[in-house]
C-alpha atoms as a PDB file:
ATOM      1  CA  UNK A   1      -6.126 -27.616 -35.036  1.00  0.00           C
ATOM      2  CA  UNK A   2      -9.985 -26.812 -35.783  1.00  0.00           C
ATOM      3  CA  UNK A   3     -12.442 -23.903 -36.075  1.00  0.00           C
ATOM      4  CA  UNK A   4     -14.830 -23.350 -32.905  1.00  0.00           C
ATOM      5  CA  UNK A   5     -18.530 -23.954 -34.185  1.00  0.00           C
ATOM      6  CA  UNK A   6     -21.044 -21.345 -33.069  1.00  0.00           C
ATOM      7  CA  UNK A   7     -22.298 -23.244 -30.325  1.00  0.00           C
ATOM      8  CA  UNK A   8     -18.995 -23.631 -29.001  1.00  0.00           C
ATOM      9  CA  UNK A   9     -18.382 -20.226 -29.863  1.00  0.00           C
ATOM     10  CA  UNK A  10     -21.200 -19.450 -27.846  1.00  0.00           C
ATOM     11  CA  UNK A  11     -20.490 -20.804 -24.585  1.00  0.00           C
ATOM     12  CA  UNK A  12     -16.597 -19.335 -25.032  1.00  0.00           C
ATOM     13  CA  UNK A  13     -18.133 -16.012 -25.221  1.00  0.00           C
ATOM     14  CA  UNK A  14     -20.411 -16.587 -22.016  1.00  0.00           C
ATOM     15  CA  UNK A  15     -17.250 -17.888 -19.894  1.00  0.00           C
ATOM     16  CA  UNK A  16     -14.811 -14.509 -21.743  1.00  0.00           C
ATOM     17  CA  UNK A  17     -15.976 -11.523 -19.181  1.00  0.00           C
ATOM     18  CA  UNK A  18     -13.364  -9.306 -19.983  1.00  0.00           C
ATOM     19  CA  UNK A  19     -13.809  -7.842 -24.035  1.00  0.00           C
ATOM     20  CA  UNK A  20     -17.279  -6.506 -24.930  1.00  0.00           C
ATOM     21  CA  UNK A  21     -20.819  -8.437 -25.277  1.00  0.00           C
ATOM     22  CA  UNK A  22     -21.488  -8.288 -28.580  1.00  0.00           C
ATOM     23  CA  UNK A  23     -18.220  -9.660 -30.509  1.00  0.00           C
ATOM     24  CA  UNK A  24     -15.324 -10.749 -27.805  1.00  0.00           C
ATOM     25  CA  UNK A  25     -13.396  -8.773 -29.941  1.00  0.00           C
ATOM     26  CA  UNK A  26     -13.392 -11.099 -32.639  1.00  0.00           C
ATOM     27  CA  UNK A  27     -13.747 -10.992 -36.372  1.00  0.00           C
ATOM     28  CA  UNK A  28     -14.331 -14.617 -37.392  1.00  0.00           C
ATOM     29  CA  UNK A  29     -14.270 -17.411 -34.706  1.00  0.00           C
ATOM     30  CA  UNK A  30     -11.209 -18.499 -33.305  1.00  0.00           C
ATOM     31  CA  UNK A  31      -9.144 -21.909 -33.895  1.00  0.00           C
ATOM     32  CA  UNK A  32      -8.485 -24.269 -30.769  1.00  0.00           C
ATOM     33  CA  UNK A  33      -6.131 -27.087 -30.779  1.00  0.00           C
ATOM     34  CA  UNK A  34      -7.221 -30.652 -30.334  1.00  0.00           C
ATOM     35  CA  UNK A  35      -4.979 -32.896 -27.287  1.00  0.00           C
ATOM     36  CA  UNK A  36      -3.067 -34.588 -30.362  1.00  0.00           C
ATOM     37  CA  UNK A  37      -2.239 -30.572 -31.876  1.00  0.00           C
ATOM     38  CA  UNK A  38      -0.590 -29.789 -28.993  1.00  0.00           C
ATOM     39  CA  UNK A  39       1.754 -32.603 -29.524  1.00  0.00           C
ATOM     40  CA  UNK A  40       2.570 -32.333 -32.796  1.00  0.00           C
ATOM     41  CA  UNK A  41       3.488 -29.031 -31.868  1.00  0.00           C
ATOM     42  CA  UNK A  42       5.209 -29.449 -29.487  1.00  0.00           C
ATOM     43  CA  UNK A  43       7.426 -31.480 -31.460  1.00  0.00           C
ATOM     44  CA  UNK A  44       7.893 -28.010 -33.683  1.00  0.00           C
ATOM     45  CA  UNK A  45       8.652 -25.853 -30.511  1.00  0.00           C
ATOM     46  CA  UNK A  46      11.722 -26.408 -28.747  1.00  0.00           C
ATOM     47  CA  UNK A  47      11.913 -23.582 -26.322  1.00  0.00           C
ATOM     48  CA  UNK A  48      11.883 -24.341 -22.950  1.00  0.00           C
ATOM     49  CA  UNK A  49       8.820 -22.269 -22.127  1.00  0.00           C
ATOM     50  CA  UNK A  50       7.077 -23.910 -25.340  1.00  0.00           C
ATOM     51  CA  UNK A  51       7.489 -27.326 -23.643  1.00  0.00           C
ATOM     52  CA  UNK A  52       6.399 -26.108 -19.937  1.00  0.00           C
ATOM     53  CA  UNK A  53       3.330 -25.151 -22.055  1.00  0.00           C
ATOM     54  CA  UNK A  54       3.033 -28.041 -23.483  1.00  0.00           C
ATOM     55  CA  UNK A  55       3.187 -30.341 -20.386  1.00  0.00           C
ATOM     56  CA  UNK A  56       0.595 -27.975 -18.734  1.00  0.00           C
ATOM     57  CA  UNK A  57      -2.007 -28.678 -21.972  1.00  0.00           C
ATOM     58  CA  UNK A  58      -1.535 -31.696 -22.086  1.00  0.00           C
ATOM     59  CA  UNK A  59      -1.870 -32.097 -18.167  1.00  0.00           C
ATOM     60  CA  UNK A  60      -5.069 -30.753 -18.701  1.00  0.00           C
ATOM     61  CA  UNK A  61      -6.164 -32.593 -21.492  1.00  0.00           C
ATOM     62  CA  UNK A  62      -5.584 -35.766 -18.558  1.00  0.00           C
ATOM     63  CA  UNK A  63      -7.555 -34.493 -16.392  1.00  0.00           C
ATOM     64  CA  UNK A  64     -10.275 -33.813 -18.452  1.00  0.00           C
ATOM     65  CA  UNK A  65     -10.359 -37.450 -19.987  1.00  0.00           C
ATOM     66  CA  UNK A  66     -10.307 -38.658 -15.918  1.00  0.00           C
ATOM     67  CA  UNK A  67     -13.172 -36.392 -14.577  1.00  0.00           C
ATOM     68  CA  UNK A  68     -15.554 -37.327 -18.069  1.00  0.00           C
ATOM     69  CA  UNK A  69     -14.696 -40.755 -17.555  1.00  0.00           C
ATOM     70  CA  UNK A  70     -15.012 -41.191 -13.878  1.00  0.00           C
ATOM     71  CA  UNK A  71     -19.115 -39.276 -13.968  1.00  0.00           C
ATOM     72  CA  UNK A  72     -19.689 -40.927 -17.418  1.00  0.00           C
ATOM     73  CA  UNK A  73     -21.559 -43.617 -14.515  1.00  0.00           C
ATOM     74  CA  UNK A  74     -23.241 -40.348 -12.854  1.00  0.00           C
ATOM     75  CA  UNK A  75     -23.739 -39.037 -15.991  1.00  0.00           C
ATOM     76  CA  UNK A  76     -25.217 -42.865 -17.296  1.00  0.00           C
ATOM     77  CA  UNK A  77     -27.299 -42.796 -13.946  1.00  0.00           C
ATOM     78  CA  UNK A  78     -28.979 -39.007 -14.593  1.00  0.00           C
ATOM     79  CA  UNK A  79     -30.106 -40.426 -17.789  1.00  0.00           C
ATOM     80  CA  UNK A  80     -31.919 -43.664 -16.500  1.00  0.00           C
ATOM     81  CA  UNK A  81     -33.284 -41.282 -14.430  1.00  0.00           C
ATOM     82  CA  UNK A  82     -34.526 -39.426 -16.579  1.00  0.00           C
ATOM     83  CA  UNK A  83     -35.444 -41.934 -19.579  1.00  0.00           C
ATOM     84  CA  UNK A  84     -37.374 -43.502 -15.794  1.00  0.00           C
ATOM     85  CA  UNK A  85     -39.321 -40.437 -15.003  1.00  0.00           C
ATOM     86  CA  UNK A  86     -40.539 -40.162 -18.740  1.00  0.00           C
ATOM     87  CA  UNK A  87     -42.237 -42.978 -17.962  1.00  0.00           C
ATOM     88  CA  UNK A  88     -43.027 -42.729 -14.749  1.00  0.00           C
ATOM     89  CA  UNK A  89     -45.217 -39.294 -15.541  1.00  0.00           C
ATOM     90  CA  UNK A  90     -46.849 -41.307 -18.439  1.00  0.00           C
ATOM     91  CA  UNK A  91     -48.290 -43.646 -15.853  1.00  0.00           C
ATOM     92  CA  UNK A  92     -49.289 -40.776 -13.413  1.00  0.00           C
ATOM     93  CA  UNK A  93     -51.151 -39.402 -16.648  1.00  0.00           C
ATOM     94  CA  UNK A  94     -52.655 -42.209 -17.315  1.00  0.00           C
ATOM     95  CA  UNK A  95     -53.880 -43.190 -13.540  1.00  0.00           C
ATOM     96  CA  UNK A  96     -55.238 -39.428 -13.575  1.00  0.00           C
ATOM     97  CA  UNK A  97     -57.242 -39.779 -16.998  1.00  0.00           C
ATOM     98  CA  UNK A  98     -58.647 -42.924 -15.480  1.00  0.00           C
ATOM     99  CA  UNK A  99     -59.975 -41.114 -12.396  1.00  0.00           C
ATOM    100  CA  UNK A 100     -61.125 -38.341 -14.600  1.00  0.00           C
ATOM    101  CA  UNK A 101     -63.130 -40.760 -16.154  1.00  0.00           C
ATOM    102  CA  UNK A 102     -64.328 -42.353 -12.292  1.00  0.00           C
ATOM    103  CA  UNK A 103     -65.075 -38.782 -11.969  1.00  0.00           C
ATOM    104  CA  UNK A 104     -67.058 -38.648 -14.423  1.00  0.00           C
ATOM    105  CA  UNK A 105     -69.543 -41.338 -13.971  1.00  0.00           C
ATOM    106  CA  UNK A 106     -70.048 -40.042 -10.755  1.00  0.00           C
ATOM    107  CA  UNK A 107     -71.406 -37.294 -11.915  1.00  0.00           C
ATOM    108  CA  UNK A 108     -73.881 -39.019 -14.756  1.00  0.00           C
ATOM    109  CA  UNK A 109     -75.001 -41.860 -11.634  1.00  0.00           C
ATOM    110  CA  UNK A 110     -76.136 -38.330  -9.223  1.00  0.00           C
ATOM    111  CA  UNK A 111     -79.097 -37.731 -11.483  1.00  0.00           C
ATOM    112  CA  UNK A 112     -80.014 -40.848 -12.229  1.00  0.00           C
ATOM    113  CA  UNK A 113     -83.667 -42.200 -10.574  1.00  0.00           C
ATOM    114  CA  UNK A 114     -82.739 -44.687  -7.475  1.00  0.00           C
ATOM    115  CA  UNK A 115     -83.614 -48.443  -7.333  1.00  0.00           C
ATOM    116  CA  UNK A 116     -84.678 -50.251  -4.274  1.00  0.00           C
ATOM    117  CA  UNK A 117     -86.030 -49.802  -0.824  1.00  0.00           C
ATOM    118  CA  UNK A 118     -86.694 -46.719   0.339  1.00  0.00           C
ATOM    119  CA  UNK A 119     -87.933 -45.934   3.295  1.00  0.00           C
ATOM    120  CA  UNK A 120     -90.702 -43.833   4.271  1.00  0.00           C
ATOM    121  CA  UNK A 121     -92.700 -44.836   0.831  1.00  0.00           C
ATOM    122  CA  UNK A 122     -95.925 -47.318   0.951  1.00  0.00           C
ATOM    123  CA  UNK A 123     -95.681 -49.836  -1.263  1.00  0.00           C
ATOM    124  CA  UNK A 124     -97.738 -50.058  -4.309  1.00  0.00           C
END
């Protein structure tokens, strides 16, 4: 059994809509069971109801573990895409910086004196 962290408590409160908004009826952070804690608790309680609840809870833990395992690859791909996106963003910013510098060079070239043969001008 362990006590929920502040972040876990805030997440839990956001999911729980039947109590008042601020405290959710709590005076302190609630305690929660780990999977091993539920298994240990079931070895102490021998009623039919306790056994049935233990089986249900262990099944939920198993489903959550399988869900996390099967979706781990998706999570890794999302992280890779995010990292790739950051790299692409840096490259795009570099290209934009080059384009700005070319634009500034072009603006400075408009004001300079043109050289070469000019139509309509007499040779001196």
